[in-house]
């Protein structure tokens, strides 16, 4: 279990309270929290392994955590309470039944969200379409970070935890890490299985997610990974879907465990979010870009006006 944290002291009691009792290890990767996150984690779970990340960003945190794991299975879990640790058996079941990589999804049977905005859902579906066209996959939720995989997948991810320690972010240190992981397991032809998962709202604090900035980073990651192909060029097998039938319904999942005001509310029907199909030939790909060079241009005319109006009326 790898949990990246930055000032999550108030959320850890809830998250740790729902972790399975038989976990081999919990690796907490802290990004220099100033609210006592590490001390709270150690008080709640004395056997927690604390790793200090050497740069900023979720990507660097995950790379540092992956380098520290000693078990056979890695589970990626956010510390803000948005992901339910009681779903971990579903991910492990998928791995035990033959998957190399179990990919969480809010958009398949058993999944959902009470936190995603229409803008984010619309953008996610755009990015799914582009990723699936580029890599021959059938991902339904590219930007969801609740995943699990066997440690034999780590060499295929090629995520280096070393490098200069400083306050800046390098490419791959940010939110784009999830896209990089998803594309690299696909390029390695690992067996990918999607697992329906429900996303709750963050319990305490504010998210570091910026819809537009991080969306551009994800799009850039897709193009960079496509240009940087390695190994076989045969697309990965299409993801399958595993449902959460043996878990309690999502409406029963947090009534007593979650603090007041964070229980699920009506989720946005994902089928109601418009998505325009953009032929991949209409997206010009240039040479491997630098941080200040656009990598792809999506024609605005391809975006339905209703989608733009919905996006403008909501905040991320």
Protein backbone atom coordinates (compact mmCIF):
# COMPACT_ATOMS: atom_id res chain seq x y z
CA UNK A 1 0.00 0.00 0.00
CA UNK A 2 1.49 3.34 -1.09
CA UNK A 3 -0.18 6.50 0.23
CA UNK A 4 1.17 9.94 -0.82
CA UNK A 5 0.46 12.70 1.69
CA UNK A 6 0.79 16.44 2.04
CA UNK A 7 -0.93 17.98 5.07
CA UNK A 8 -3.48 15.17 5.46
CA UNK A 9 -3.39 14.84 9.27
CA UNK A 10 -7.16 15.36 9.62
CA UNK A 11 -7.99 12.78 6.95
CA UNK A 12 -5.70 9.95 8.06
CA UNK A 13 -7.83 8.75 11.00
CA UNK A 14 -10.67 8.03 8.59
CA UNK A 15 -8.50 6.46 5.89
CA UNK A 16 -6.39 4.34 8.24
CA UNK A 17 -9.51 3.24 10.10
CA UNK A 18 -10.81 1.56 6.95
CA UNK A 19 -7.61 -0.20 5.89
CA UNK A 20 -7.75 -4.03 5.89
CA UNK A 21 -6.15 -5.69 8.89
CA UNK A 22 -4.00 -8.07 6.85
CA UNK A 23 -1.95 -5.56 4.87
CA UNK A 24 1.71 -6.51 4.47
CA UNK A 25 2.86 -2.90 4.79
CA UNK A 26 1.70 0.70 4.54
CA UNK A 27 4.22 3.02 2.88
CA UNK A 28 3.37 6.65 3.56
CA UNK A 29 5.23 9.05 1.27
CA UNK A 30 5.20 12.52 2.76
CA UNK A 31 5.84 15.74 0.86
CA UNK A 32 7.12 17.79 3.82
CA UNK A 33 3.80 18.21 5.59
CA UNK A 34 3.62 20.89 8.27
CA UNK A 35 0.42 19.78 10.03
CA UNK A 36 1.78 16.70 11.82
CA UNK A 37 0.74 14.21 9.14
CA UNK A 38 3.66 11.88 9.84
CA UNK A 39 3.16 11.96 13.60
CA UNK A 40 -0.56 11.21 13.21
CA UNK A 41 0.21 8.31 10.88
CA UNK A 42 2.72 6.82 13.31
CA UNK A 43 0.30 7.17 16.21
CA UNK A 44 -2.51 5.50 14.26
CA UNK A 45 -0.37 2.75 12.81
CA UNK A 46 3.01 2.21 14.53
CA UNK A 47 4.17 -0.13 11.76
CA UNK A 48 3.75 2.49 9.03
CA UNK A 49 6.85 3.02 6.86
CA UNK A 50 7.49 6.72 6.28
CA UNK A 51 9.32 7.80 3.13
CA UNK A 52 10.23 11.43 2.43
CA UNK A 53 9.89 12.36 -1.22
CA UNK A 54 12.80 14.27 -2.69
CA UNK A 55 10.83 16.66 -4.92
CA UNK A 56 7.31 18.06 -5.14
CA UNK A 57 4.32 16.43 -6.77
CA UNK A 58 2.26 13.26 -6.69
CA UNK A 59 4.34 11.63 -9.39
CA UNK A 60 7.55 11.95 -7.41
CA UNK A 61 5.75 10.70 -4.30
CA UNK A 62 4.54 7.59 -6.09
CA UNK A 63 7.99 6.89 -7.56
CA UNK A 64 9.57 7.16 -4.11
CA UNK A 65 6.89 4.91 -2.64
CA UNK A 66 7.23 2.27 -5.35
CA UNK A 67 10.98 2.15 -4.74
CA UNK A 68 10.34 1.37 -1.07
CA UNK A 69 7.76 -1.42 -1.31
CA UNK A 70 8.72 -4.95 -0.31
CA UNK A 71 5.51 -6.89 -0.96
CA UNK A 72 4.16 -8.62 -4.06
CA UNK A 73 1.22 -6.26 -4.68
CA UNK A 74 1.18 -2.46 -4.78
CA UNK A 75 -2.04 -0.55 -4.10
CA UNK A 76 -2.15 3.19 -4.87
CA UNK A 77 -4.44 5.05 -2.46
CA UNK A 78 -5.03 8.76 -1.91
CA UNK A 79 -5.04 10.05 1.67
CA UNK A 80 -7.90 12.53 1.35
CA UNK A 81 -10.73 10.05 1.92
CA UNK A 82 -11.96 10.15 -1.67
CA UNK A 83 -11.18 6.47 -2.28
CA UNK A 84 -12.67 3.71 -0.14
CA UNK A 85 -10.04 1.31 1.27
CA UNK A 86 -12.77 -1.31 1.63
CA UNK A 87 -12.61 -1.74 -2.13
CA UNK A 88 -9.06 -3.09 -1.91
CA UNK A 89 -10.26 -6.75 -1.96
CA UNK A 90 -11.81 -6.10 -5.37
CA UNK A 91 -8.49 -4.95 -6.78
CA UNK A 92 -6.63 -7.87 -5.21
CA UNK A 93 -9.24 -10.32 -6.54
CA UNK A 94 -8.66 -8.99 -10.05
CA UNK A 95 -4.91 -9.53 -9.68
CA UNK A 96 -5.25 -13.00 -8.20
CA UNK A 97 -7.56 -13.95 -11.06
CA UNK A 98 -4.96 -13.15 -13.68
CA UNK A 99 -4.64 -9.40 -14.11
CA UNK A 100 -1.26 -7.70 -14.01
CA UNK A 101 -2.74 -4.25 -13.44
CA UNK A 102 -6.12 -3.51 -11.80
CA UNK A 103 -7.35 -0.08 -12.91
CA UNK A 104 -10.00 1.71 -10.87
CA UNK A 105 -12.81 3.39 -12.80
CA UNK A 106 -15.71 5.61 -11.80
CA UNK A 107 -17.39 5.10 -15.18
CA UNK A 108 -18.12 1.36 -15.20
CA UNK A 109 -20.50 -0.94 -13.35
CA UNK A 110 -20.14 -0.42 -9.60
CA UNK A 111 -18.37 2.90 -10.01
CA UNK A 112 -19.47 6.49 -9.59
CA UNK A 113 -18.60 9.81 -8.03
CA UNK A 114 -20.18 12.47 -5.85
CA UNK A 115 -17.18 14.75 -6.33
CA UNK A 116 -16.45 15.04 -10.04
CA UNK A 117 -17.72 18.17 -11.79
CA UNK A 118 -19.18 18.20 -15.28
CA UNK A 119 -16.08 20.00 -16.51
CA UNK A 120 -13.75 17.30 -15.16
CA UNK A 121 -15.98 14.45 -16.36
CA UNK A 122 -16.19 15.99 -19.82
CA UNK A 123 -12.41 16.46 -19.98
CA UNK A 124 -11.78 12.95 -18.71
CA UNK A 125 -13.93 11.45 -21.45
CA UNK A 126 -12.05 13.46 -24.07
CA UNK A 127 -8.74 12.19 -22.72
CA UNK A 128 -10.06 8.61 -22.59
CA UNK A 129 -10.97 8.76 -26.27
CA UNK A 130 -7.58 10.14 -27.25
CA UNK A 131 -5.70 7.59 -25.11
CA UNK A 132 -7.69 4.68 -26.49
CA UNK A 133 -7.08 5.80 -30.07
CA UNK A 134 -3.36 6.25 -29.46
CA UNK A 135 -2.72 3.04 -27.53
CA UNK A 136 -5.45 0.65 -28.64
CA UNK A 137 -6.91 0.36 -25.15
CA UNK A 138 -10.46 0.64 -23.82
CA UNK A 139 -9.90 2.72 -20.72
CA UNK A 140 -13.01 4.31 -19.25
CA UNK A 141 -11.32 6.44 -16.57
CA UNK A 142 -7.80 7.50 -17.47
CA UNK A 143 -7.55 10.13 -14.72
CA UNK A 144 -8.54 8.05 -11.68
CA UNK A 145 -5.60 7.10 -9.48
CA UNK A 146 -6.97 4.18 -7.45
CA UNK A 147 -5.01 1.26 -8.93
CA UNK A 148 -3.23 -1.93 -7.91
CA UNK A 149 -0.62 -4.08 -9.61
CA UNK A 150 1.93 -6.84 -9.08
CA UNK A 151 5.44 -5.63 -8.34
CA UNK A 152 6.71 -7.39 -11.47
CA UNK A 153 5.12 -4.46 -13.34
CA UNK A 154 7.48 -1.91 -11.77
CA UNK A 155 10.32 -2.31 -14.31
CA UNK A 156 7.86 -1.52 -17.09
CA UNK A 157 6.87 1.75 -15.40
CA UNK A 158 10.45 3.06 -15.46
CA UNK A 159 9.81 5.59 -12.70
CA UNK A 160 13.01 6.85 -11.12
CA UNK A 161 12.83 8.02 -7.52
CA UNK A 162 16.38 9.34 -7.59
CA UNK A 163 17.51 12.61 -9.07
CA UNK A 164 18.13 16.10 -7.71
CA UNK A 165 16.30 17.04 -4.53
CA UNK A 166 14.80 20.50 -4.88
CA UNK A 167 11.53 22.40 -4.70
CA UNK A 168 10.67 22.26 -8.39
CA UNK A 169 8.83 19.61 -10.38
CA UNK A 170 10.39 17.56 -13.13
CA UNK A 171 8.40 16.02 -15.95
CA UNK A 172 6.43 13.10 -14.50
CA UNK A 173 6.44 14.48 -10.96
CA UNK A 174 2.91 15.87 -11.20
CA UNK A 175 -0.63 14.68 -11.81
CA UNK A 176 0.39 13.25 -15.19
CA UNK A 177 1.95 10.29 -13.35
CA UNK A 178 -1.31 8.35 -13.55
CA UNK A 179 -1.44 8.77 -17.32
CA UNK A 180 2.20 7.77 -17.66
CA UNK A 181 1.58 4.60 -15.66
CA UNK A 182 -1.56 3.74 -17.65
CA UNK A 183 0.16 4.16 -21.00
CA UNK A 184 3.28 2.25 -20.01
CA UNK A 185 1.42 -0.81 -18.76
CA UNK A 186 -0.50 -0.75 -22.04
CA UNK A 187 2.68 -0.49 -24.14
CA UNK A 188 4.17 -3.38 -22.15
CA UNK A 189 1.14 -5.51 -23.08
CA UNK A 190 0.35 -6.26 -19.47
CA UNK A 191 -3.11 -7.65 -18.71
CA UNK A 192 -5.27 -4.73 -17.59
CA UNK A 193 -8.57 -5.19 -15.77
CA UNK A 194 -10.84 -2.31 -14.80
CA UNK A 195 -12.50 -2.37 -11.37
CA UNK A 196 -15.58 -0.26 -10.63
CA UNK A 197 -14.86 2.20 -7.81
CA UNK A 198 -16.82 4.97 -6.10
CA UNK A 199 -15.21 8.36 -5.52
CA UNK A 200 -16.22 10.38 -2.47
CA UNK A 201 -15.57 14.04 -1.81
CA UNK A 202 -12.38 15.02 0.00
CA UNK A 203 -13.08 15.08 3.75
CA UNK A 204 -10.84 17.94 4.92
CA UNK A 205 -8.65 20.45 3.12
CA UNK A 206 -8.50 21.55 -0.48
CA UNK A 207 -7.45 19.53 -3.49
CA UNK A 208 -4.29 20.42 -5.38
CA UNK A 209 -5.99 19.42 -8.64
CA UNK A 210 -6.30 22.15 -11.26
CA UNK A 211 -8.63 20.98 -14.00
CA UNK A 212 -7.21 22.92 -16.93
CA UNK A 213 -3.52 22.89 -15.99
CA UNK A 214 -3.50 19.19 -15.13
CA UNK A 215 -5.66 18.35 -18.14
CA UNK A 216 -3.04 19.90 -20.42
CA UNK A 217 -0.30 17.93 -18.63
CA UNK A 218 -2.27 14.71 -19.16
CA UNK A 219 -2.75 15.48 -22.86
CA UNK A 220 0.93 16.24 -23.21
CA UNK A 221 1.79 12.99 -21.41
CA UNK A 222 -0.29 11.03 -23.92
CA UNK A 223 1.52 12.58 -26.87
CA UNK A 224 4.97 12.22 -25.31
CA UNK A 225 4.33 8.57 -24.42
CA UNK A 226 3.03 7.87 -27.93
CA UNK A 227 6.13 9.40 -29.50
CA UNK A 228 8.37 7.54 -27.07
CA UNK A 229 7.12 4.06 -27.86
CA UNK A 230 9.24 1.13 -26.75
CA UNK A 231 9.04 -2.60 -27.27
CA UNK A 232 6.21 -4.21 -29.20
CA UNK A 233 3.86 -2.02 -31.16
CA UNK A 234 0.88 -4.34 -30.70
CA UNK A 235 -1.82 -2.65 -28.56
CA UNK A 236 -2.46 -3.98 -25.09
CA UNK A 237 -5.47 -6.24 -24.49
CA UNK A 238 -8.68 -4.33 -23.90
CA UNK A 239 -9.45 -3.85 -20.20
CA UNK A 240 -12.13 -6.03 -18.72
CA UNK A 241 -14.56 -4.88 -16.04
CA UNK A 242 -14.87 -6.39 -12.58
CA UNK A 243 -17.89 -5.30 -10.56
CA UNK A 244 -18.10 -4.72 -6.84
CA UNK A 245 -21.07 -7.02 -6.33
CA UNK A 246 -19.85 -8.50 -3.05
CA UNK A 247 -19.46 -5.07 -1.43
CA UNK A 248 -22.24 -3.11 0.22
CA UNK A 249 -24.06 -0.63 -2.06
CA UNK A 250 -22.32 2.72 -2.27
CA UNK A 251 -25.14 4.40 -0.38
CA UNK A 252 -24.29 2.19 2.61
CA UNK A 253 -20.55 2.66 2.43
CA UNK A 254 -19.85 5.56 4.73
CA UNK A 255 -22.87 6.49 6.72
CA UNK A 256 -21.18 5.79 10.04
CA UNK A 257 -17.54 5.94 9.03
CA UNK A 258 -17.33 9.30 7.29
CA UNK A 259 -17.55 12.66 9.08
CA UNK A 260 -20.78 14.61 8.77
CA UNK A 261 -21.12 16.48 5.51
CA UNK A 262 -18.95 14.13 3.45
CA UNK A 263 -21.45 11.36 2.72
CA UNK A 264 -22.26 10.77 -0.96
CA UNK A 265 -24.76 13.00 -2.67
CA UNK A 266 -26.36 12.60 -6.07
CA UNK A 267 -23.65 11.83 -8.58
CA UNK A 268 -23.53 13.28 -12.08
CA UNK A 269 -24.90 10.71 -14.55
CA UNK A 270 -21.82 9.99 -16.63
CA UNK A 271 -23.91 9.27 -19.72
CA UNK A 272 -25.15 12.86 -19.61
CA UNK A 273 -21.67 14.32 -20.07
CA UNK A 274 -21.21 15.26 -23.76
CA UNK A 275 -18.16 14.08 -25.63
CA UNK A 276 -17.04 15.01 -29.11
CA UNK A 277 -15.19 12.48 -31.21
CA UNK A 278 -11.97 13.99 -32.55
CA UNK A 279 -10.29 12.03 -35.37
CA UNK A 280 -6.74 11.44 -34.25
CA UNK A 281 -5.56 12.61 -37.65
CA UNK A 282 -6.85 16.09 -36.78
CA UNK A 283 -4.47 16.38 -33.85
CA UNK A 284 -1.08 17.47 -35.20
CA UNK A 285 1.79 15.96 -33.28
CA UNK A 286 5.08 17.81 -33.37
CA UNK A 287 8.56 16.87 -32.25
CA UNK A 288 9.07 15.95 -28.62
CA UNK A 289 8.11 19.24 -26.99
CA UNK A 290 9.57 21.31 -24.25
CA UNK A 291 7.51 22.62 -21.37
CA UNK A 292 6.61 25.79 -23.25
CA UNK A 293 5.66 24.26 -26.60
CA UNK A 294 2.09 23.05 -27.27
CA UNK A 295 1.99 19.42 -28.32
CA UNK A 296 -1.49 19.10 -29.76
CA UNK A 297 -4.24 21.37 -30.96
CA UNK A 298 -7.84 20.22 -30.56
CA UNK A 299 -10.16 22.16 -32.89
CA UNK A 300 -12.59 24.16 -30.79
CA UNK A 301 -15.21 23.65 -33.45
CA UNK A 302 -15.31 19.99 -32.49
CA UNK A 303 -16.47 20.82 -28.99
CA UNK A 304 -20.27 20.90 -28.59
CA UNK A 305 -21.53 24.35 -27.47
CA UNK A 306 -23.55 22.67 -24.73
CA UNK A 307 -20.36 21.19 -23.32
CA UNK A 308 -18.65 24.57 -23.26
CA UNK A 309 -21.63 26.18 -21.55
CA UNK A 310 -21.70 23.40 -18.96
CA UNK A 311 -17.97 23.74 -18.38
CA UNK A 312 -18.20 27.50 -17.94
CA UNK A 313 -21.03 27.20 -15.45
CA UNK A 314 -19.16 24.92 -13.09
CA UNK A 315 -15.90 25.20 -11.19
CA UNK A 316 -13.36 22.41 -11.10
